[in-house]
PDB file of N, CA and C in Angstrom:
ATOM      1  N   MET A   1     -29.515 188.061-152.303  1.00  0.00           N
ATOM      2  CA  MET A   1     -29.948 188.221-150.819  1.00  0.00           C
ATOM      3  C   MET A   1     -29.737 187.084-149.793  1.00  0.00           C
ATOM      4  N   LYS A   2     -28.967 186.650-149.014  1.00  0.00           N
ATOM      5  CA  LYS A   2     -29.257 186.197-147.924  1.00  0.00           C
ATOM      6  C   LYS A   2     -30.762 185.758-147.030  1.00  0.00           C
ATOM      7  N   LYS A   3     -31.306 184.965-146.618  1.00  0.00           N
ATOM      8  CA  LYS A   3     -32.466 185.019-145.410  1.00  0.00           C
ATOM      9  C   LYS A   3     -31.874 185.882-144.112  1.00  0.00           C
ATOM     10  N   GLU A   4     -30.817 185.711-143.762  1.00  0.00           N
ATOM     11  CA  GLU A   4     -30.116 186.559-142.586  1.00  0.00           C
ATOM     12  C   GLU A   4     -30.166 188.082-143.219  1.00  0.00           C
ATOM     13  N   GLU A   5     -29.709 188.228-144.152  1.00  0.00           N
ATOM     14  CA  GLU A   5     -29.909 189.690-144.493  1.00  0.00           C
ATOM     15  C   GLU A   5     -31.282 190.769-144.926  1.00  0.00           C
ATOM     16  N   ILE A   6     -31.941 189.474-145.028  1.00  0.00           N
ATOM     17  CA  ILE A   6     -33.321 189.840-145.468  1.00  0.00           C
ATOM     18  C   ILE A   6     -34.068 190.333-143.785  1.00  0.00           C
ATOM     19  N   PHE A   7     -34.180 189.249-142.845  1.00  0.00           N
ATOM     20  CA  PHE A   7     -34.405 189.371-141.570  1.00  0.00           C
ATOM     21  C   PHE A   7     -33.920 190.500-141.147  1.00  0.00           C
ATOM     22  N   GLU A   8     -32.985 190.748-141.500  1.00  0.00           N
ATOM     23  CA  GLU A   8     -31.822 192.842-140.537  1.00  0.00           C
ATOM     24  C   GLU A   8     -32.450 193.232-141.342  1.00  0.00           C
ATOM     25  N   LYS A   9     -33.053 193.336-142.695  1.00  0.00           N
ATOM     26  CA  LYS A   9     -33.775 194.550-143.134  1.00  0.00           C
ATOM     27  C   LYS A   9     -35.398 194.355-142.736  1.00  0.00           C
ATOM     28  N   ILE A  10     -35.910 193.186-142.454  1.00  0.00           N
ATOM     29  CA  ILE A  10     -37.704 193.671-142.323  1.00  0.00           C
ATOM     30  C   ILE A  10     -37.578 193.536-141.041  1.00  0.00           C
ATOM     31  N   THR A  11     -36.899 192.956-139.912  1.00  0.00           N
ATOM     32  CA  THR A  11     -37.019 193.062-138.747  1.00  0.00           C
ATOM     33  C   THR A  11     -37.344 194.574-138.028  1.00  0.00           C
ATOM     34  N   PRO A  12     -36.733 195.493-138.406  1.00  0.00           N
ATOM     35  CA  PRO A  12     -36.708 196.671-137.951  1.00  0.00           C
ATOM     36  C   PRO A  12     -38.103 197.149-138.589  1.00  0.00           C
ATOM     37  N   ILE A  13     -38.717 197.028-139.744  1.00  0.00           N
ATOM     38  CA  ILE A  13     -39.852 197.097-140.563  1.00  0.00           C
ATOM     39  C   ILE A  13     -40.983 196.838-139.419  1.00  0.00           C
ATOM     40  N   PHE A  14     -40.991 195.532-139.489  1.00  0.00           N
ATOM     41  CA  PHE A  14     -42.432 194.744-138.063  1.00  0.00           C
ATOM     42  C   PHE A  14     -42.277 195.464-136.797  1.00  0.00           C
ATOM     43  N   ALA A  15     -40.918 196.077-136.271  1.00  0.00           N
ATOM     44  CA  ALA A  15     -41.431 196.544-135.085  1.00  0.00           C
ATOM     45  C   ALA A  15     -41.342 198.236-134.925  1.00  0.00           C
ATOM     46  N   LYS A  16     -41.474 198.696-136.178  1.00  0.00           N
ATOM     47  CA  LYS A  16     -42.052 200.268-136.074  1.00  0.00           C
ATOM     48  C   LYS A  16     -43.058 200.629-136.490  1.00  0.00           C
ATOM     49  N   VAL A  17     -43.400 199.641-137.490  1.00  0.00           N
ATOM     50  CA  VAL A  17     -45.021 199.239-137.675  1.00  0.00           C
ATOM     51  C   VAL A  17     -46.088 198.908-136.209  1.00  0.00           C
ATOM     52  N   LEU A  18     -45.601 197.647-135.571  1.00  0.00           N
ATOM     53  CA  LEU A  18     -45.908 197.317-134.541  1.00  0.00           C
ATOM     54  C   LEU A  18     -45.961 197.843-133.687  1.00  0.00           C
ATOM     55  N   GLU A  19     -44.989 198.776-133.670  1.00  0.00           N
ATOM     56  CA  GLU A  19     -44.901 199.694-132.442  1.00  0.00           C
ATOM     57  C   GLU A  19     -44.104 198.406-130.956  1.00  0.00           C
ATOM     58  N   HIS A  20     -43.224 197.538-131.438  1.00  0.00           N
ATOM     59  CA  HIS A  20     -42.672 196.547-130.395  1.00  0.00           C
ATOM     60  C   HIS A  20     -41.440 197.116-130.271  1.00  0.00           C
ATOM     61  N   ASN A  21     -40.385 197.098-129.264  1.00  0.00           N
ATOM     62  CA  ASN A  21     -39.540 197.249-128.979  1.00  0.00           C
ATOM     63  C   ASN A  21     -38.420 195.987-128.744  1.00  0.00           C
ATOM     64  N   ASN A  22     -38.944 194.975-128.277  1.00  0.00           N
ATOM     65  CA  ASN A  22     -38.261 193.784-128.274  1.00  0.00           C
ATOM     66  C   ASN A  22     -39.628 193.004-129.055  1.00  0.00           C
ATOM     67  N   PHE A  23     -37.901 192.843-130.417  1.00  0.00           N
ATOM     68  CA  PHE A  23     -38.938 191.820-131.282  1.00  0.00           C
ATOM     69  C   PHE A  23     -38.674 191.136-131.739  1.00  0.00           C
ATOM     70  N   ASN A  24     -38.950 189.662-131.508  1.00  0.00           N
ATOM     71  CA  ASN A  24     -38.314 188.458-131.896  1.00  0.00           C
ATOM     72  C   ASN A  24     -39.152 187.732-133.091  1.00  0.00           C
ATOM     73  N   LEU A  25     -38.473 187.865-134.817  1.00  0.00           N
ATOM     74  CA  LEU A  25     -39.223 187.745-135.548  1.00  0.00           C
ATOM     75  C   LEU A  25     -38.261 186.189-136.097  1.00  0.00           C
ATOM     76  N   THR A  26     -39.183 185.712-136.382  1.00  0.00           N
ATOM     77  CA  THR A  26     -38.681 184.033-136.961  1.00  0.00           C
ATOM     78  C   THR A  26     -39.340 183.659-138.175  1.00  0.00           C
ATOM     79  N   GLU A  27     -38.913 182.482-138.780  1.00  0.00           N
ATOM     80  CA  GLU A  27     -39.610 182.267-140.063  1.00  0.00           C
ATOM     81  C   GLU A  27     -41.154 182.036-139.618  1.00  0.00           C
ATOM     82  N   THR A  28     -41.226 181.380-138.439  1.00  0.00           N
ATOM     83  CA  THR A  28     -42.433 180.817-138.094  1.00  0.00           C
ATOM     84  C   THR A  28     -43.480 181.902-137.427  1.00  0.00           C
ATOM     85  N   THR A  29     -42.867 183.328-137.010  1.00  0.00           N
ATOM     86  CA  THR A  29     -43.897 184.391-136.732  1.00  0.00           C
ATOM     87  C   THR A  29     -45.117 184.437-137.843  1.00  0.00           C
ATOM     88  N   THR A  30     -46.414 184.167-136.926  1.00  0.00           N
ATOM     89  CA  THR A  30     -47.657 184.731-137.826  1.00  0.00           C
ATOM     90  C   THR A  30     -48.849 185.588-137.490  1.00  0.00           C
ATOM     91  N   THR A  31     -49.204 186.407-137.767  1.00  0.00           N
ATOM     92  CA  THR A  31     -50.237 187.471-137.101  1.00  0.00           C
ATOM     93  C   THR A  31     -50.632 187.002-135.714  1.00  0.00           C
ATOM     94  N   ASN A  32     -51.582 185.812-135.733  1.00  0.00           N
ATOM     95  CA  ASN A  32     -51.528 185.199-134.350  1.00  0.00           C
ATOM     96  C   ASN A  32     -50.759 185.513-133.414  1.00  0.00           C
ATOM     97  N   ASP A  33     -48.855 185.184-133.324  1.00  0.00           N
ATOM     98  CA  ASP A  33     -48.366 185.644-132.242  1.00  0.00           C
ATOM     99  C   ASP A  33     -47.553 187.045-132.064  1.00  0.00           C
ATOM    100  N   VAL A  34     -48.570 188.079-132.701  1.00  0.00           N
ATOM    101  CA  VAL A  34     -47.890 188.991-131.988  1.00  0.00           C
ATOM    102  C   VAL A  34     -48.734 190.246-132.186  1.00  0.00           C
ATOM    103  N   ASP A  35     -49.430 190.688-130.849  1.00  0.00           N
ATOM    104  CA  ASP A  35     -50.426 191.504-130.016  1.00  0.00           C
ATOM    105  C   ASP A  35     -50.215 192.919-131.469  1.00  0.00           C
ATOM    106  N   GLY A  36     -51.108 193.366-132.229  1.00  0.00           N
ATOM    107  CA  GLY A  36     -51.194 194.322-132.760  1.00  0.00           C
ATOM    108  C   GLY A  36     -51.027 194.339-134.487  1.00  0.00           C
ATOM    109  N   TRP A  37     -50.783 193.102-134.484  1.00  0.00           N
ATOM    110  CA  TRP A  37     -50.556 192.379-135.885  1.00  0.00           C
ATOM    111  C   TRP A  37     -52.179 192.451-136.560  1.00  0.00           C
ATOM    112  N   GLY A  38     -52.679 193.349-136.959  1.00  0.00           N
ATOM    113  CA  GLY A  38     -54.476 192.765-137.683  1.00  0.00           C
ATOM    114  C   GLY A  38     -53.913 193.055-139.145  1.00  0.00           C
ATOM    115  N   SER A  39     -54.981 193.515-139.704  1.00  0.00           N
ATOM    116  CA  SER A  39     -55.014 193.305-141.173  1.00  0.00           C
ATOM    117  C   SER A  39     -54.406 195.045-141.679  1.00  0.00           C
ATOM    118  N   LEU A  40     -54.885 195.623-141.047  1.00  0.00           N
ATOM    119  CA  LEU A  40     -54.627 197.513-141.425  1.00  0.00           C
ATOM    120  C   LEU A  40     -52.673 197.266-141.160  1.00  0.00           C
ATOM    121  N   THR A  41     -52.338 197.157-139.982  1.00  0.00           N
ATOM    122  CA  THR A  41     -50.861 196.882-139.811  1.00  0.00           C
ATOM    123  C   THR A  41     -50.110 195.982-140.930  1.00  0.00           C
ATOM    124  N   HIS A  42     -50.804 194.598-141.352  1.00  0.00           N
ATOM    125  CA  HIS A  42     -50.537 193.865-142.002  1.00  0.00           C
ATOM    126  C   HIS A  42     -49.988 194.638-143.722  1.00  0.00           C
ATOM    127  N   MET A  43     -51.043 195.414-144.151  1.00  0.00           N
ATOM    128  CA  MET A  43     -50.624 196.203-145.188  1.00  0.00           C
ATOM    129  C   MET A  43     -50.054 197.177-145.083  1.00  0.00           C
ATOM    130  N   ILE A  44     -49.798 198.120-144.104  1.00  0.00           N
ATOM    131  CA  ILE A  44     -48.544 198.856-143.421  1.00  0.00           C
ATOM    132  C   ILE A  44     -47.036 198.412-144.055  1.00  0.00           C
ATOM    133  N   ILE A  45     -47.149 197.018-143.326  1.00  0.00           N
ATOM    134  CA  ILE A  45     -45.941 196.252-143.102  1.00  0.00           C
ATOM    135  C   ILE A  45     -45.196 195.884-144.864  1.00  0.00           C
ATOM    136  N   ILE A  46     -46.607 194.915-145.409  1.00  0.00           N
ATOM    137  CA  ILE A  46     -46.020 194.949-146.615  1.00  0.00           C
ATOM    138  C   ILE A  46     -45.648 196.415-147.429  1.00  0.00           C
ATOM    139  N   GLU A  47     -46.440 197.001-147.438  1.00  0.00           N
ATOM    140  CA  GLU A  47     -46.085 198.023-148.108  1.00  0.00           C
ATOM    141  C   GLU A  47     -44.456 198.735-147.706  1.00  0.00           C
ATOM    142  N   GLU A  48     -44.558 198.995-146.691  1.00  0.00           N
ATOM    143  CA  GLU A  48     -42.779 199.345-145.930  1.00  0.00           C
ATOM    144  C   GLU A  48     -42.083 198.547-146.423  1.00  0.00           C
ATOM    145  N   ILE A  49     -42.080 197.008-146.516  1.00  0.00           N
ATOM    146  CA  ILE A  49     -41.398 196.031-147.530  1.00  0.00           C
ATOM    147  C   ILE A  49     -41.109 196.111-148.435  1.00  0.00           C
ATOM    148  N   GLU A  50     -42.213 196.428-149.158  1.00  0.00           N
ATOM    149  CA  GLU A  50     -41.680 196.727-151.213  1.00  0.00           C
ATOM    150  C   GLU A  50     -41.138 197.875-151.325  1.00  0.00           C
ATOM    151  N   LYS A  51     -41.002 199.070-150.690  1.00  0.00           N
ATOM    152  CA  LYS A  51     -40.800 200.058-150.270  1.00  0.00           C
ATOM    153  C   LYS A  51     -38.545 199.710-150.197  1.00  0.00           C
ATOM    154  N   GLU A  52     -38.490 199.198-149.007  1.00  0.00           N
ATOM    155  CA  GLU A  52     -37.598 198.367-148.385  1.00  0.00           C
ATOM    156  C   GLU A  52     -36.436 198.261-149.941  1.00  0.00           C
ATOM    157  N   PHE A  53     -37.650 196.788-150.685  1.00  0.00           N
ATOM    158  CA  PHE A  53     -37.010 195.971-151.442  1.00  0.00           C
ATOM    159  C   PHE A  53     -36.531 196.633-152.680  1.00  0.00           C
ATOM    160  N   ASN A  54     -37.956 197.496-152.868  1.00  0.00           N
ATOM    161  CA  ASN A  54     -38.289 198.016-154.399  1.00  0.00           C
ATOM    162  C   ASN A  54     -38.803 197.379-155.401  1.00  0.00           C
ATOM    163  N   ILE A  55     -39.327 196.534-154.883  1.00  0.00           N
ATOM    164  CA  ILE A  55     -40.409 195.400-155.243  1.00  0.00           C
ATOM    165  C   ILE A  55     -41.905 195.817-155.078  1.00  0.00           C
ATOM    166  N   LYS A  56     -42.915 194.778-155.781  1.00  0.00           N
ATOM    167  CA  LYS A  56     -44.056 194.647-155.940  1.00  0.00           C
ATOM    168  C   LYS A  56     -44.818 193.145-155.671  1.00  0.00           C
ATOM    169  N   PHE A  57     -45.272 192.830-154.335  1.00  0.00           N
ATOM    170  CA  PHE A  57     -45.852 191.554-154.700  1.00  0.00           C
ATOM    171  C   PHE A  57     -47.098 190.899-155.357  1.00  0.00           C
ATOM    172  N   LYS A  58     -47.183 189.973-155.858  1.00  0.00           N
ATOM    173  CA  LYS A  58     -48.070 189.570-156.329  1.00  0.00           C
ATOM    174  C   LYS A  58     -49.610 189.470-155.564  1.00  0.00           C
ATOM    175  N   LEU A  59     -50.610 189.490-155.968  1.00  0.00           N
ATOM    176  CA  LEU A  59     -51.649 189.618-155.236  1.00  0.00           C
ATOM    177  C   LEU A  59     -51.636 187.736-154.433  1.00  0.00           C
ATOM    178  N   LEU A  60     -51.319 187.221-155.722  1.00  0.00           N
ATOM    179  CA  LEU A  60     -51.317 185.492-155.620  1.00  0.00           C
ATOM    180  C   LEU A  60     -50.077 185.262-154.194  1.00  0.00           C
ATOM    181  N   ASP A  61     -49.256 186.003-154.214  1.00  0.00           N
ATOM    182  CA  ASP A  61     -47.838 185.730-153.345  1.00  0.00           C
ATOM    183  C   ASP A  61     -48.686 186.056-151.886  1.00  0.00           C
ATOM    184  N   LEU A  62     -49.101 187.125-151.921  1.00  0.00           N
ATOM    185  CA  LEU A  62     -49.987 187.946-150.910  1.00  0.00           C
ATOM    186  C   LEU A  62     -50.634 186.763-149.965  1.00  0.00           C
ATOM    187  N   MET A  63     -51.319 186.232-150.698  1.00  0.00           N
ATOM    188  CA  MET A  63     -52.582 185.220-150.404  1.00  0.00           C
ATOM    189  C   MET A  63     -52.074 184.018-149.800  1.00  0.00           C
ATOM    190  N   ASN A  64     -50.979 183.830-150.417  1.00  0.00           N
ATOM    191  CA  ASN A  64     -50.553 182.618-150.025  1.00  0.00           C
ATOM    192  C   ASN A  64     -49.085 182.530-148.831  1.00  0.00           C
ATOM    193  N   MET A  65     -49.252 183.835-148.015  1.00  0.00           N
ATOM    194  CA  MET A  65     -48.071 183.567-147.272  1.00  0.00           C
ATOM    195  C   MET A  65     -48.649 183.357-145.428  1.00  0.00           C
ATOM    196  N   ASP A  66     -48.350 182.716-145.003  1.00  0.00           N
ATOM    197  CA  ASP A  66     -48.818 182.130-143.860  1.00  0.00           C
ATOM    198  C   ASP A  66     -48.249 182.584-142.599  1.00  0.00           C
ATOM    199  N   ASN A  67     -46.825 183.139-143.001  1.00  0.00           N
ATOM    200  CA  ASN A  67     -45.837 183.340-141.842  1.00  0.00           C
ATOM    201  C   ASN A  67     -44.761 184.025-142.564  1.00  0.00           C
ATOM    202  N   VAL A  68     -43.922 184.724-141.803  1.00  0.00           N
ATOM    203  CA  VAL A  68     -42.640 184.971-142.050  1.00  0.00           C
ATOM    204  C   VAL A  68     -41.605 184.574-143.112  1.00  0.00           C
ATOM    205  N   GLY A  69     -41.740 183.497-143.243  1.00  0.00           N
ATOM    206  CA  GLY A  69     -41.070 182.434-143.764  1.00  0.00           C
ATOM    207  C   GLY A  69     -41.413 182.377-144.813  1.00  0.00           C
ATOM    208  N   ASP A  70     -42.548 182.448-145.396  1.00  0.00           N
ATOM    209  CA  ASP A  70     -43.266 182.504-146.469  1.00  0.00           C
ATOM    210  C   ASP A  70     -43.195 183.961-147.168  1.00  0.00           C
ATOM    211  N   LEU A  71     -43.081 185.067-146.434  1.00  0.00           N
ATOM    212  CA  LEU A  71     -43.120 186.472-146.781  1.00  0.00           C
ATOM    213  C   LEU A  71     -41.080 186.760-147.501  1.00  0.00           C
ATOM    214  N   VAL A  72     -40.497 186.011-146.514  1.00  0.00           N
ATOM    215  CA  VAL A  72     -39.147 185.855-147.158  1.00  0.00           C
ATOM    216  C   VAL A  72     -38.979 185.451-148.228  1.00  0.00           C
ATOM    217  N   LYS A  73     -39.539 183.970-148.508  1.00  0.00           N
ATOM    218  CA  LYS A  73     -39.227 183.611-149.737  1.00  0.00           C
ATOM    219  C   LYS A  73     -40.196 184.083-150.708  1.00  0.00           C
ATOM    220  N   ALA A  74     -40.854 185.156-150.747  1.00  0.00           N
ATOM    221  CA  ALA A  74     -41.634 185.781-151.620  1.00  0.00           C
ATOM    222  C   ALA A  74     -40.600 186.927-152.180  1.00  0.00           C
ATOM    223  N   ILE A  75     -40.145 187.925-151.264  1.00  0.00           N
ATOM    224  CA  ILE A  75     -38.957 188.943-151.130  1.00  0.00           C
ATOM    225  C   ILE A  75     -37.670 187.922-151.941  1.00  0.00           C
ATOM    226  N   THR A  76     -37.931 186.793-151.760  1.00  0.00           N
ATOM    227  CA  THR A  76     -36.259 186.225-152.526  1.00  0.00           C
ATOM    228  C   THR A  76     -36.626 185.923-154.139  1.00  0.00           C
ATOM    229  N   SER A  77     -38.080 185.656-154.002  1.00  0.00           N
ATOM    230  CA  SER A  77     -38.342 185.625-155.304  1.00  0.00           C
ATOM    231  C   SER A  77     -38.173 186.653-155.899  1.00  0.00           C
ATOM    232  N   SER A  78     -38.893 187.684-155.606  1.00  0.00           N
ATOM    233  CA  SER A  78     -38.952 189.409-156.276  1.00  0.00           C
ATOM    234  C   SER A  78     -38.012 189.839-156.149  1.00  0.00           C
ATOM    235  N   ILE A  79     -36.382 189.715-155.774  1.00  0.00           N
ATOM    236  CA  ILE A  79     -35.479 190.135-155.979  1.00  0.00           C
ATOM    237  C   ILE A  79     -34.369 189.407-156.905  1.00  0.00           C
ATOM    238  N   SER A  80     -35.004 188.180-156.745  1.00  0.00           N
ATOM    239  CA  SER A  80     -33.688 187.111-157.514  1.00  0.00           C
ATOM    240  C   SER A  80     -33.732 188.098-159.455  1.00  0.00           C
TER     241      SER A  80
END
């Protein structure tokens, strides 16, 4: 699956969980860039992404995610 396809699937998840209508998700987006993206919403986002892609992230993968680009890499690795 291409990076663009992953972004097409995760962007609506972020928008829904964070309740943002105009949401510009990029590889460099971090929790500090988005109002309302805290620890609880982060876990909800992760759970929704795991459901969408039928994957389960390893704790180490989650701890090493600094931005959305890292999340996309982890998704790519998990579905390969």
